[in-house]
Protein backbone atom coordinates (compact mmCIF):
# COMPACT_ATOMS: atom_id res chain seq x y z
CA UNK A 1 0.18 0.04 -0.28
CA UNK A 2 0.64 3.57 -0.91
CA UNK A 3 0.73 6.42 1.85
CA UNK A 4 0.02 9.75 0.67
CA UNK A 5 0.36 12.82 3.09
CA UNK A 6 -1.06 15.72 2.01
CA UNK A 7 -1.62 17.50 5.00
CA UNK A 8 0.74 20.98 3.79
CA UNK A 9 -1.13 21.34 0.67
CA UNK A 10 -4.01 23.52 -0.17
CA UNK A 11 -6.84 24.12 -3.25
CA UNK A 12 -3.95 25.86 -5.69
CA UNK A 13 -1.82 24.17 -8.40
CA UNK A 14 -1.35 21.27 -6.27
CA UNK A 15 -4.58 20.78 -4.86
CA UNK A 16 -5.01 20.09 -8.48
CA UNK A 17 -1.83 17.94 -9.46
CA UNK A 18 -3.29 15.80 -6.53
CA UNK A 19 -6.61 14.97 -7.30
CA UNK A 20 -5.24 14.02 -10.63
CA UNK A 21 -2.51 11.68 -9.42
CA UNK A 22 -5.28 10.47 -7.29
CA UNK A 23 -7.36 9.78 -10.10
CA UNK A 24 -4.76 7.53 -11.86
CA UNK A 25 -3.52 5.33 -9.36
CA UNK A 26 -4.64 1.79 -9.71
CA UNK A 27 -3.67 0.04 -6.59
CA UNK A 28 -4.07 0.54 -2.46
CA UNK A 29 -3.39 3.36 -1.27
CA UNK A 30 -4.48 5.84 1.50
CA UNK A 31 -4.35 9.09 1.02
CA UNK A 32 -4.24 12.01 4.22
CA UNK A 33 -5.15 15.21 3.31
CA UNK A 34 -5.66 18.87 4.36
CA UNK A 35 -9.82 19.73 3.84
CA UNK A 36 -8.59 22.75 2.15
CA UNK A 37 -7.53 20.81 -1.06
CA UNK A 38 -11.70 20.16 -1.02
CA UNK A 39 -11.25 16.21 -1.91
CA UNK A 40 -14.72 14.31 -0.07
CA UNK A 41 -13.51 11.95 2.41
CA UNK A 42 -14.13 7.78 1.39
CA UNK A 43 -12.83 4.23 2.65
CA UNK A 44 -9.29 5.50 1.25
CA UNK A 45 -9.28 9.25 1.67
CA UNK A 46 -8.80 10.79 5.09
CA UNK A 47 -9.32 14.96 5.22
CA UNK A 48 -8.08 16.73 8.68
CA UNK A 49 -7.90 20.26 9.33
CA UNK A 50 -5.26 22.95 9.24
CA UNK A 51 -1.53 21.16 10.54
CA UNK A 52 1.38 22.70 10.83
CA UNK A 53 3.81 21.03 8.90
CA UNK A 54 6.39 21.02 10.91
CA UNK A 55 4.45 20.60 14.44
CA UNK A 56 3.68 17.09 16.25
CA UNK A 57 0.18 16.92 15.46
CA UNK A 58 1.11 15.80 11.24
CA UNK A 59 4.00 13.50 12.81
CA UNK A 60 1.28 11.77 15.29
CA UNK A 61 -1.00 11.46 11.87
CA UNK A 62 1.44 9.64 9.86
CA UNK A 63 2.68 7.37 12.97
CA UNK A 64 -0.82 6.29 13.44
CA UNK A 65 -1.43 5.83 9.56
CA UNK A 66 1.83 3.87 9.38
CA UNK A 67 1.32 1.64 12.43
CA UNK A 68 -2.49 0.91 11.16
CA UNK A 69 -1.74 0.49 7.14
CA UNK A 70 1.81 -0.61 7.44
CA UNK A 71 2.09 0.36 3.64
CA UNK A 72 5.07 -0.32 1.66
CA UNK A 73 5.53 3.59 0.39
CA UNK A 74 4.91 7.04 1.79
CA UNK A 75 4.49 10.53 -0.60
CA UNK A 76 4.69 13.58 0.95
CA UNK A 77 3.11 15.62 -1.00
CA UNK A 78 3.94 18.98 0.44
CA UNK A 79 7.44 19.89 -0.08
CA UNK A 80 8.73 18.85 3.60
CA UNK A 81 9.44 15.59 4.48
CA UNK A 82 7.80 14.21 8.67
CA UNK A 83 9.81 15.94 11.66
CA UNK A 84 11.26 12.06 12.18
CA UNK A 85 11.39 9.48 10.46
CA UNK A 86 8.86 6.89 9.12
CA UNK A 87 8.82 2.72 9.82
CA UNK A 88 8.20 3.11 5.79
CA UNK A 89 10.90 1.01 3.89
CA UNK A 90 10.52 3.48 0.47
CA UNK A 91 9.26 7.53 1.36
CA UNK A 92 9.14 9.66 -1.31
CA UNK A 93 9.12 13.67 -1.16
CA UNK A 94 7.04 15.69 -3.85
CA UNK A 95 8.50 18.83 -4.43
CA UNK A 96 6.94 21.64 -5.65
CA UNK A 97 7.57 25.01 -4.11
CA UNK A 98 10.36 26.99 -5.78
CA UNK A 99 9.64 30.04 -2.67
CA UNK A 100 11.52 27.24 -0.60
CA UNK A 101 15.18 27.90 -2.61
CA UNK A 102 16.62 31.10 -2.01
CA UNK A 103 18.64 31.56 -4.43
CA UNK A 104 15.87 31.03 -6.94
CA UNK A 105 13.45 33.75 -4.94
CA UNK A 106 15.28 36.94 -5.64
CA UNK A 107 12.94 38.76 -6.63
CA UNK A 108 9.81 38.16 -4.98
CA UNK A 109 8.72 40.87 -2.03
CA UNK A 110 7.10 39.45 0.59
CA UNK A 111 5.10 40.35 4.11
CA UNK A 112 7.24 40.32 6.80
CA UNK A 113 4.67 36.98 7.83
CA UNK A 114 5.56 35.26 4.62
CA UNK A 115 9.34 35.96 5.02
CA UNK A 116 9.05 34.34 8.23
CA UNK A 117 7.22 31.27 7.45
CA UNK A 118 9.18 30.50 4.12
CA UNK A 119 12.79 30.73 6.10
CA UNK A 120 11.02 28.42 9.31
CA UNK A 121 9.97 25.97 6.03
CA UNK A 122 13.54 26.36 4.54
CA UNK A 123 15.34 25.59 7.94
CA UNK A 124 12.55 22.72 8.47
CA UNK A 125 13.51 21.01 5.59
CA UNK A 126 17.33 21.09 6.20
CA UNK A 127 16.17 19.59 9.57
CA UNK A 128 14.43 17.23 8.00
CA UNK A 129 16.04 16.45 4.90
CA UNK A 130 17.22 12.94 5.59
CA UNK A 131 13.48 12.08 6.78
CA UNK A 132 13.12 10.67 3.10
CA UNK A 133 14.60 8.41 1.07
CA UNK A 134 14.67 10.16 -1.97
CA UNK A 135 13.18 13.80 -3.69
CA UNK A 136 10.51 14.25 -6.61
CA UNK A 137 10.67 17.42 -8.60
CA UNK A 138 8.98 19.23 -11.47
CA UNK A 139 11.93 20.29 -13.49
CA UNK A 140 15.74 19.74 -14.28
CA UNK A 141 16.38 23.70 -13.28
CA UNK A 142 14.41 22.93 -9.74
CA UNK A 143 16.25 19.96 -9.27
CA UNK A 144 19.73 21.74 -10.03
CA UNK A 145 18.95 24.65 -7.47
CA UNK A 146 17.50 22.67 -4.58
CA UNK A 147 20.62 20.10 -4.72
CA UNK A 148 22.87 22.85 -4.58
CA UNK A 149 20.92 24.21 -2.02
CA UNK A 150 20.21 21.87 0.46
CA UNK A 151 23.32 19.88 -0.65
CA UNK A 152 20.86 16.89 -0.96
CA UNK A 153 22.67 13.81 -3.61
CA UNK A 154 21.09 13.81 -6.70
CA UNK A 155 21.53 10.14 -7.13
CA UNK A 156 18.03 9.78 -4.99
CA UNK A 157 16.30 12.70 -7.07
CA UNK A 158 13.90 12.17 -9.67
CA UNK A 159 12.51 14.54 -12.15
CA UNK A 160 8.72 13.50 -12.95
CA UNK A 161 6.46 16.43 -14.11
CA UNK A 162 2.96 15.04 -14.48
CA UNK A 163 -0.31 16.83 -15.29
CA UNK A 164 -3.87 15.95 -17.25
CA UNK A 165 -2.98 16.25 -20.60
CA UNK A 166 -6.42 14.53 -21.99
CA UNK A 167 -8.46 15.67 -19.92
CA UNK A 168 -7.60 19.23 -21.14
CA UNK A 169 -7.49 18.63 -24.90
CA UNK A 170 -10.53 17.40 -24.58
CA UNK A 171 -12.07 20.33 -22.99
CA UNK A 172 -10.27 21.80 -26.46
CA UNK A 173 -11.42 19.88 -28.57
CA UNK A 174 -15.06 20.14 -27.40
CA UNK A 175 -15.18 24.21 -27.75
CA UNK A 176 -16.73 25.49 -30.78
CA UNK A 177 -13.78 26.33 -33.53
CA UNK A 178 -16.27 28.69 -35.09
CA UNK A 179 -16.59 30.83 -32.22
CA UNK A 180 -14.20 33.58 -32.19
CA UNK A 181 -11.23 33.73 -29.10
CA UNK A 182 -10.62 36.92 -27.40
CA UNK A 183 -9.33 39.20 -25.12
CA UNK A 184 -6.28 37.52 -21.99
CA UNK A 185 -6.55 36.07 -19.38
CA UNK A 186 -4.47 35.64 -16.45
CA UNK A 187 -5.16 32.61 -14.19
CA UNK A 188 -3.76 33.30 -10.70
CA UNK A 189 -4.64 34.50 -7.55
CA UNK A 190 -3.35 37.23 -6.12
CA UNK A 191 0.11 36.96 -4.09
CA UNK A 192 2.81 39.34 -4.68
CA UNK A 193 4.59 37.05 -6.69
CA UNK A 194 2.38 37.16 -9.33
CA UNK A 195 3.77 40.34 -10.39
CA UNK A 196 -0.63 41.88 -10.69
CA UNK A 197 0.35 45.67 -9.98
CA UNK A 198 3.18 45.65 -13.38
CA UNK A 199 0.18 43.40 -15.36
CA UNK A 200 -1.95 46.24 -14.80
CA UNK A 201 0.77 48.96 -15.25
CA UNK A 202 1.51 48.00 -18.49
CA UNK A 203 -2.43 47.15 -19.18
CA UNK A 204 -2.02 51.27 -19.04
CA UNK A 205 0.72 51.94 -21.18
CA UNK A 206 -0.99 50.12 -23.71
CA UNK A 207 -4.08 52.21 -23.17
CA UNK A 208 -2.27 55.43 -23.20
CA UNK A 209 0.35 54.90 -25.18
CA UNK A 210 -0.27 52.53 -27.73
CA UNK A 211 -4.10 53.51 -27.78
CA UNK A 212 -4.84 49.37 -27.28
CA UNK A 213 -7.55 48.26 -25.15
CA UNK A 214 -7.24 44.68 -25.29
CA UNK A 215 -9.72 42.71 -22.65
CA UNK A 216 -7.77 41.59 -19.96
CA UNK A 217 -9.28 38.38 -17.85
CA UNK A 218 -8.52 38.28 -13.71
CA UNK A 219 -9.36 35.86 -11.49
CA UNK A 220 -7.74 37.77 -8.04
CA UNK A 221 -10.10 37.45 -5.11
CA UNK A 222 -12.19 40.48 -4.64
CA UNK A 223 -11.53 41.19 -1.17
CA UNK A 224 -7.94 42.34 -2.09
CA UNK A 225 -8.90 46.08 -1.96
CA UNK A 226 -5.68 47.49 -3.23
CA UNK A 227 -6.16 45.71 -7.15
CA UNK A 228 -10.02 46.04 -7.05
CA UNK A 229 -9.28 49.60 -6.47
CA UNK A 230 -6.62 49.97 -9.13
CA UNK A 231 -8.68 47.95 -11.86
CA UNK A 232 -11.91 50.39 -11.15
CA UNK A 233 -9.07 53.40 -11.90
CA UNK A 234 -7.95 51.99 -15.32
CA UNK A 235 -11.42 51.22 -16.26
CA UNK A 236 -12.60 54.52 -15.96
CA UNK A 237 -9.65 55.80 -17.85
CA UNK A 238 -10.94 53.53 -20.60
CA UNK A 239 -9.14 50.36 -20.19
CA UNK A 240 -11.00 46.87 -20.17
CA UNK A 241 -10.50 44.99 -17.35
CA UNK A 242 -12.75 42.35 -16.15
CA UNK A 243 -11.73 40.49 -12.50
CA UNK A 244 -14.11 37.41 -12.41
CA UNK A 245 -12.67 36.40 -8.76
CA UNK A 246 -11.83 33.14 -7.12
CA UNK A 247 -13.39 30.57 -9.69
CA UNK A 248 -13.36 27.07 -9.47
CA UNK A 249 -11.38 25.14 -11.59
CA UNK A 250 -13.73 23.74 -14.55
CA UNK A 251 -15.40 27.42 -14.63
CA UNK A 252 -11.65 28.82 -15.07
CA UNK A 253 -10.74 26.44 -17.65
CA UNK A 254 -13.75 27.33 -19.97
CA UNK A 255 -13.02 30.46 -19.46
CA UNK A 256 -8.96 29.93 -20.55
CA UNK A 257 -10.73 28.47 -23.86
CA UNK A 258 -12.68 31.49 -24.56
CA UNK A 259 -9.34 33.64 -24.98
CA UNK A 260 -7.03 33.81 -27.72
CA UNK A 261 -3.93 35.06 -25.37
CA UNK A 262 -2.87 33.42 -21.92
CA UNK A 263 -0.23 35.79 -19.91
CA UNK A 264 1.58 34.96 -17.24
CA UNK A 265 3.92 37.98 -15.57
CA UNK A 266 4.44 35.74 -12.67
CA UNK A 267 8.13 36.40 -11.00
CA UNK A 268 8.44 32.92 -9.54
CA UNK A 269 7.09 29.55 -11.25
CA UNK A 270 8.05 26.03 -9.79
CA UNK A 271 6.13 24.17 -13.01
CA UNK A 272 3.72 27.34 -13.79
CA UNK A 273 0.38 24.41 -15.08
CA UNK A 274 -0.95 27.56 -15.46
CA UNK A 275 1.69 27.72 -18.68
CA UNK A 276 0.51 24.37 -19.51
CA UNK A 277 -2.93 24.65 -19.32
CA UNK A 278 -3.18 27.49 -21.41
CA UNK A 279 -0.75 25.96 -24.45
CA UNK A 280 -2.86 22.60 -24.04
CA UNK A 281 -6.24 24.95 -24.24
CA UNK A 282 -4.55 26.60 -27.58
CA UNK A 283 -4.52 29.74 -26.41
CA UNK A 284 -0.99 31.98 -27.12
CA UNK A 285 0.62 32.10 -24.35
CA UNK A 286 2.94 35.51 -23.27
CA UNK A 287 4.89 34.42 -19.77
CA UNK A 288 8.08 36.05 -17.90
CA UNK A 289 11.68 35.25 -19.58
CA UNK A 290 12.48 32.73 -16.35
CA UNK A 291 15.00 30.52 -17.12
CA UNK A 292 13.21 28.08 -15.16
CA UNK A 293 10.28 28.06 -17.25
CA UNK A 294 12.41 26.72 -20.33
CA UNK A 295 12.45 23.28 -19.44
CA UNK A 296 8.36 23.92 -19.50
CA UNK A 297 7.05 25.99 -22.57
CA UNK A 298 8.30 27.79 -25.65
CA UNK A 299 5.96 30.29 -25.14
CA UNK A 300 4.30 32.43 -28.05
CA UNK A 301 6.18 35.74 -26.64
CA UNK A 302 8.59 36.30 -23.68
CA UNK A 303 8.69 39.23 -21.73
CA UNK A 304 11.26 40.97 -18.19
CA UNK A 305 8.16 40.56 -15.77
CA UNK A 306 9.87 43.65 -13.85
CA UNK A 307 9.36 45.96 -16.80
CA UNK A 308 5.99 47.59 -17.75
CA UNK A 309 7.05 48.99 -21.15
CA UNK A 310 8.44 45.52 -22.34
CA UNK A 311 5.27 43.58 -20.92
CA UNK A 312 3.34 46.46 -23.04
CA UNK A 313 5.40 46.17 -26.01
CA UNK A 314 5.37 42.38 -25.91
CA UNK A 315 1.40 42.23 -25.84
CA UNK A 316 2.06 45.11 -28.48
CA UNK A 317 3.29 42.96 -30.95
CA UNK A 318 1.46 39.50 -29.68
CA UNK A 319 -1.35 40.93 -30.93
CA UNK A 320 -0.42 41.77 -34.42
CA UNK A 321 1.22 39.04 -35.19
CA UNK A 322 2.04 35.47 -32.73
CA UNK A 323 2.47 31.94 -33.09
CA UNK A 324 0.98 28.90 -30.73
CA UNK A 325 2.82 27.91 -27.84
CA UNK A 326 4.27 24.67 -27.37
CA UNK A 327 4.91 22.69 -24.36
CA UNK A 328 8.64 21.16 -23.80
CA UNK A 329 7.80 18.67 -20.97
CA UNK A 330 6.21 15.40 -20.97
CA UNK A 331 3.50 13.96 -19.18
CA UNK A 332 4.92 11.54 -16.94
CA UNK A 333 2.06 10.20 -14.64
CA UNK A 334 3.64 6.45 -15.76
CA UNK A 335 6.78 7.11 -14.48
CA UNK A 336 5.40 8.31 -11.31
CA UNK A 337 3.08 5.36 -11.13
CA UNK A 338 5.85 2.84 -11.44
CA UNK A 339 8.00 4.50 -8.65
CA UNK A 340 5.18 4.79 -6.54
CA UNK A 341 3.47 1.38 -7.31
CA UNK A 342 4.05 -1.37 -4.26
CA UNK A 343 6.86 -3.87 -4.73
């Protein structure tokens, strides 16, 4: 049996990947997962409340499950091994948060609270580094940076990206090809590294300097008063920006299919699931010129995410002439399942 620990997970990209992984498993497993992911409890899915990834409660939950289930393998799906080694023959940690690699996280400005949280988790990784036998990464660049920063043996690592390629292609094929696609979408929450402020500034440049008013669809929480005010200010001056607020995943992907472009000015991504989704849904993808993304996608165009003029000019040029993006990663879900399958 495989034990999956996803107690340190939310409903974002990591949650979407977990749901896909669970849907593909064809051998016995038990999942303990944060209720924030939105999975329903069943015989082999156990939902728990918020737990500190470095705290005693998570350790106690896992020790009790190991004692009761006696799993052959364990997958820690939240970037961090448990605080103590578990009595499991084979253990793996799936890493999907580049913010926990300090050498890659130089361009983001955080609140004091977030800065302290990331510092604590980085220390936790150092302390618990060998409480897992192997680490699994999404891209070669992330693995390289992690191995260098935490001095972990590369021979005990794997690069196994996965994403629900079939579902996305089916969604795209079901879209009415005669319906005109229009506008840009940035499918993202409002965390600071997502860089919405510079994107909105670029849309102001498009309107004021280039007399262009392309539609921009956003999905940021309406509780972000500062961004909501900025959007209203720009729309009052002639821009065309629509904030849909937080959306259910299916509704958000349906919105992507209706747009001609996906744009991603994020300052840091681990896999960039939204980039993959945008490409598979046949939008033209504009993104940051981040070297960690060179293994993920060949974008339609790229820009300096710190330069609002460059963002605006890239958008202007893309509207005039732009090719579709190409995915450079293979979906390695089968390889991952073979690694995790009980022996």
